Protein backbone atom coordinates (compact mmCIF):
# COMPACT_ATOMS: atom_id res chain seq x y z
CA MET A 1 23.26 -64.69 9.23
CA SER A 2 22.32 -68.02 10.50
CA GLU A 3 18.74 -68.85 11.93
CA SER A 4 19.93 -68.75 15.55
CA ALA A 5 21.84 -65.54 15.18
CA ALA A 6 18.96 -64.18 13.58
CA ALA A 7 16.70 -65.29 16.31
CA ALA A 8 18.64 -63.78 18.88
CA ALA A 9 18.95 -60.23 17.12
CA ALA A 10 15.17 -60.39 16.77
CA GLN A 11 14.79 -60.91 20.53
CA ASN A 12 17.34 -57.96 21.49
CA ASP A 13 15.10 -55.67 19.27
CA ASN A 14 11.90 -56.68 20.96
CA PRO A 15 11.57 -54.78 24.21
CA ALA A 16 8.62 -56.98 25.27
CA THR A 17 10.67 -60.07 25.24
CA ASN A 18 13.62 -58.54 26.76
CA ASN A 19 11.32 -57.53 29.77
CA HIS A 20 10.20 -61.15 30.01
CA ARG A 21 12.32 -63.20 32.69
CA VAL A 22 12.82 -66.89 32.40
CA PRO A 23 11.59 -68.76 35.49
CA LEU A 24 14.63 -70.41 37.51
CA ASP A 25 14.69 -73.98 37.80
CA CYS A 26 16.63 -75.76 40.56
CA CYS A 27 17.22 -79.18 40.73
CA GLY A 28 13.83 -80.02 39.23
CA GLY A 29 12.13 -79.75 42.31
CA LEU A 30 11.68 -76.15 42.87
CA SER A 31 10.71 -75.15 39.35
CA ASN A 32 9.51 -71.45 38.47
CA VAL A 33 11.13 -70.21 41.62
CA ASP A 34 12.92 -66.77 40.86
CA TYR A 35 15.67 -66.50 43.66
CA SER A 36 16.67 -63.29 42.69
CA LYS A 37 13.07 -62.04 44.07
CA MET A 38 13.46 -63.81 47.41
CA ASP A 39 13.70 -61.53 50.62
CA LEU A 40 16.72 -62.26 52.54
CA THR A 41 16.08 -59.28 54.92
CA LEU A 42 15.36 -61.62 57.77
CA VAL A 43 18.45 -63.90 57.40
CA LYS A 44 20.60 -60.89 56.98
CA GLU A 45 19.28 -59.48 60.25
CA LEU A 46 19.84 -63.00 62.04
CA LEU A 47 23.43 -63.13 60.82
CA LYS A 48 23.88 -59.82 62.28
CA HIS A 49 23.66 -61.14 65.75
CA ILE A 50 25.87 -64.16 65.22
CA GLN A 51 29.48 -63.97 65.40
CA LEU A 52 30.92 -67.20 63.98
CA ASN A 53 34.37 -66.93 65.25
CA GLU A 54 33.47 -66.51 68.92
CA SER A 55 35.21 -69.22 70.93
CA SER A 56 32.15 -70.40 72.74
CA PHE A 57 30.32 -71.01 69.72
CA CYS A 58 33.39 -73.13 68.04
CA ILE A 59 33.39 -75.16 71.31
CA ALA A 60 29.82 -75.56 71.16
CA VAL A 61 30.02 -76.98 67.28
CA VAL A 62 32.63 -79.42 68.06
CA ALA A 63 31.14 -80.67 70.80
CA ILE A 64 27.87 -81.05 68.81
CA ILE A 65 29.84 -83.15 66.03
CA PHE A 66 32.14 -85.10 68.10
CA ASN A 67 29.51 -86.64 70.21
CA PRO A 68 28.02 -88.89 67.75
CA LEU A 69 31.09 -89.35 66.06
CA PHE A 70 32.62 -90.82 69.19
CA TRP A 71 29.92 -93.02 70.25
CA ASN A 72 29.46 -94.23 66.64
CA VAL A 73 33.13 -95.06 66.16
CA VAL A 74 33.49 -96.88 69.46
CA ALA A 75 30.09 -98.85 69.35
CA ARG A 76 31.24 -100.04 65.95
CA TRP A 77 34.77 -100.81 67.00
CA GLU A 78 32.86 -103.09 70.01
CA HIS A 79 30.64 -104.79 67.31
CA ARG A 80 33.74 -105.52 65.40
CA THR A 81 36.18 -106.68 68.12
CA ARG A 82 34.24 -107.34 71.41
CA GLY A 83 37.20 -105.19 72.74
CA LEU A 84 35.04 -103.16 75.60
CA SER A 85 33.25 -106.48 76.51
CA ARG A 86 36.33 -108.11 77.27
CA MET A 87 37.83 -105.39 79.07
CA PHE A 88 34.93 -104.81 81.30
CA GLY A 89 34.52 -108.58 81.60
CA SER A 90 30.66 -108.17 80.54
CA PRO A 91 29.03 -106.68 77.69
CA TYR A 92 26.67 -105.22 79.89
CA LEU A 93 29.15 -103.57 82.04
CA ALA A 94 30.57 -102.21 78.97
CA CYS A 95 27.48 -100.92 77.62
CA TYR A 96 26.45 -99.20 81.00
CA SER A 97 30.29 -97.54 81.08
CA LEU A 98 29.74 -96.62 77.46
CA GLY A 99 26.32 -94.86 78.14
CA PHE A 100 27.72 -93.14 81.51
CA ILE A 101 30.36 -91.44 79.15
CA ILE A 102 27.82 -90.75 76.55
CA ILE A 103 25.56 -88.99 79.20
CA LEU A 104 28.43 -86.78 80.51
CA LEU A 105 29.13 -85.77 76.78
CA ASN A 106 25.57 -84.67 76.11
CA VAL A 107 25.60 -82.79 79.49
CA TYR A 108 28.93 -80.78 78.42
CA ARG A 109 27.35 -80.38 74.91
CA SER A 110 24.08 -78.92 76.45
CA HIS A 111 26.45 -76.72 78.67
CA SER A 112 28.54 -75.59 75.85
CA MET A 113 25.47 -74.77 73.55
CA THR A 114 24.33 -72.45 76.70
CA VAL A 115 27.25 -70.55 77.22
CA ALA A 116 27.64 -69.78 73.55
CA MET A 117 24.06 -68.47 73.84
CA LYS A 118 24.49 -66.49 76.86
CA ASN A 119 27.96 -64.88 75.33
CA GLN A 120 26.11 -64.07 72.11
CA ALA A 121 23.30 -60.95 71.63
CA ARG A 122 19.79 -61.70 71.90
CA TRP A 123 17.35 -60.87 69.05
CA GLU A 124 14.53 -58.36 69.67
CA LEU A 125 12.62 -60.24 67.16
CA MET A 126 12.50 -63.24 69.07
CA ASP A 127 12.10 -61.53 72.72
CA ARG A 128 8.32 -61.85 72.51
CA THR A 129 5.97 -63.70 74.77
CA ASP A 130 4.58 -65.83 72.11
CA VAL A 131 7.86 -66.95 70.82
CA PHE A 132 8.78 -67.76 74.60
CA TYR A 133 5.91 -70.16 75.25
CA VAL A 134 6.62 -71.69 71.84
CA GLY A 135 9.85 -72.66 73.36
CA ILE A 136 8.26 -73.72 76.42
CA ALA A 137 5.91 -76.07 74.52
CA LEU A 138 9.05 -77.45 72.48
CA MET A 139 10.73 -78.25 75.43
CA ALA A 140 8.10 -80.01 77.01
CA VAL A 141 7.38 -82.14 73.52
CA GLY A 142 11.08 -82.70 73.43
CA THR A 143 11.43 -84.01 77.15
CA LEU A 144 8.27 -86.28 76.81
CA LEU A 145 9.80 -87.84 73.39
CA VAL A 146 13.37 -88.37 75.21
CA VAL A 147 12.23 -89.57 78.39
CA SER A 148 9.17 -91.87 76.85
CA SER A 149 11.91 -93.21 74.24
CA PHE A 150 14.26 -94.02 76.93
CA LEU A 151 11.29 -96.05 79.14
CA ALA A 152 10.52 -97.85 75.75
CA LEU A 153 14.17 -98.95 75.23
CA GLY A 154 15.59 -99.16 78.60
CA PHE A 155 19.24 -98.31 79.34
CA THR A 156 20.87 -100.87 77.01
CA GLY A 157 18.62 -100.13 74.09
CA THR A 158 19.11 -96.33 74.43
CA PHE A 159 22.72 -96.66 74.57
CA LEU A 160 23.82 -98.85 71.64
CA GLY A 161 23.24 -102.35 73.38
CA ASP A 162 22.62 -103.92 70.29
CA TYR A 163 26.38 -103.11 69.42
CA PHE A 164 27.54 -105.31 72.39
CA GLY A 165 25.26 -108.11 71.71
CA ILE A 166 22.44 -107.21 73.73
CA LEU A 167 19.40 -107.42 71.33
CA MET A 168 15.92 -106.65 71.81
CA ASP A 169 13.46 -109.78 71.49
CA GLU A 170 11.35 -107.66 69.08
CA LYS A 171 11.50 -104.03 67.64
CA VAL A 172 9.61 -101.53 69.78
CA THR A 173 6.62 -99.99 68.29
CA GLY A 174 4.78 -98.29 70.99
CA PHE A 175 4.93 -94.64 71.90
CA PRO A 176 6.78 -92.55 70.89
CA PHE A 177 8.13 -95.14 67.92
CA SER A 178 4.49 -95.16 66.94
CA SER A 179 4.42 -91.54 66.21
CA ILE A 180 7.98 -90.44 65.24
CA GLU A 181 11.15 -92.31 64.04
CA ASN A 182 14.05 -91.88 66.17
CA PRO A 183 12.06 -89.79 69.07
CA MET A 184 15.39 -89.69 71.28
CA TYR A 185 17.15 -87.63 68.61
CA TRP A 186 14.33 -85.33 67.60
CA GLY A 187 13.17 -84.98 70.85
CA SER A 188 16.49 -83.83 71.80
CA THR A 189 16.54 -81.38 68.98
CA ALA A 190 13.20 -80.03 70.06
CA ASN A 191 14.71 -79.35 73.34
CA TYR A 192 17.72 -77.17 71.86
CA LEU A 193 15.38 -75.02 69.64
CA GLY A 194 12.69 -74.66 72.41
CA LEU A 195 16.00 -73.42 74.56
CA ALA A 196 16.72 -71.02 71.82
CA LEU A 197 13.36 -69.55 71.51
CA ILE A 198 13.29 -68.96 75.40
CA GLY A 199 16.73 -67.08 75.13
CA ALA A 200 15.73 -65.33 72.11
CA SER A 201 19.09 -66.65 70.94
CA PRO A 202 19.80 -66.43 67.11
CA VAL A 203 23.23 -68.31 67.80
CA GLY A 204 21.07 -70.96 69.51
CA LEU A 205 18.97 -71.20 65.96
CA VAL A 206 21.95 -72.09 64.14
CA LEU A 207 23.46 -74.45 66.83
CA THR A 208 20.29 -76.22 66.69
CA ALA A 209 20.21 -76.45 63.03
CA ILE A 210 23.85 -78.12 63.26
CA VAL A 211 22.49 -80.68 65.81
CA ALA A 212 19.57 -81.77 63.37
CA VAL A 213 21.88 -82.06 60.38
CA VAL A 214 24.62 -83.91 62.69
CA TYR A 215 21.83 -86.11 63.82
CA LYS A 216 20.52 -86.78 60.56
CA VAL A 217 23.83 -87.84 59.19
CA ALA A 218 24.21 -90.02 62.61
CA ILE A 219 20.46 -91.87 61.62
CA MET A 220 21.85 -92.64 58.24
CA TYR A 221 24.86 -94.54 59.48
CA GLU A 222 23.14 -95.80 62.51
CA GLY A 223 19.85 -97.15 61.04
CA PRO A 224 21.29 -99.71 58.32
CA PHE A 225 23.82 -101.00 60.51
CA THR A 226 21.43 -101.71 63.36
CA GLU A 227 19.44 -103.46 60.89
CA GLN A 228 22.16 -105.53 59.76
CA ILE A 229 22.54 -106.74 63.23
CA TYR A 230 19.14 -108.05 63.85
CA ARG A 231 19.52 -109.62 60.26
CA GLU A 232 22.54 -111.50 61.32
CA ARG A 233 20.70 -112.76 64.28
CA SER A 234 17.66 -114.00 62.16
CA GLN A 235 20.05 -115.51 60.08
CA ARG A 236 21.96 -117.32 62.74
CA HIS A 237 18.63 -118.64 64.50
CA LYS A 238 17.56 -119.93 60.84
CA HIS A 239 20.88 -122.24 60.65
CA GLU A 240 20.25 -123.51 64.07
């Protein structure tokens, strides 16, 4: 018998060794977490109140994913070709038009999420006064972030004016950008989370999570591209 086989046999004969569970190590970041002992009762109870195949839920998910995909594709096409600026005869008019479409799409997204929440069951665990007021507080904070971000950036700064060649003189560093990055996106997410809590809606929590993931992906693409636009401007100024 080899040494490894002998060691395995000795381990099998030792009850104390058999009762010792080896801690699980997940990706090196959550070491010694035994996921087999996690209590998933709350998650299972949450999923019981959600119908993932319900039509209004599917429509809301499509609206959530479509919006940032649409404005990123159109804005990058404009930056590459100046097609919208030529079509409208002005980069400002083109930016205002795209911004108006984005607003309408976001209104429809909010409507579709609200319909999905109303069409699915409330969760008794969330239907409490303290949860309701947390939702109110989140919506207040979210609205503050969205409105203050819009006031700081202006219409063209908010609605991708950089892609139309409408560049800001300097980076905005005042509130809310001094407190949080991408306040427009995270303020909007806070609003949806607050709405879900106010409505005691488990499907609202799921939809809000999808909003957060989609915004995170959008930020990963928009941030570096916007920085590239301003780097190109700086390089042009150096050569002038």
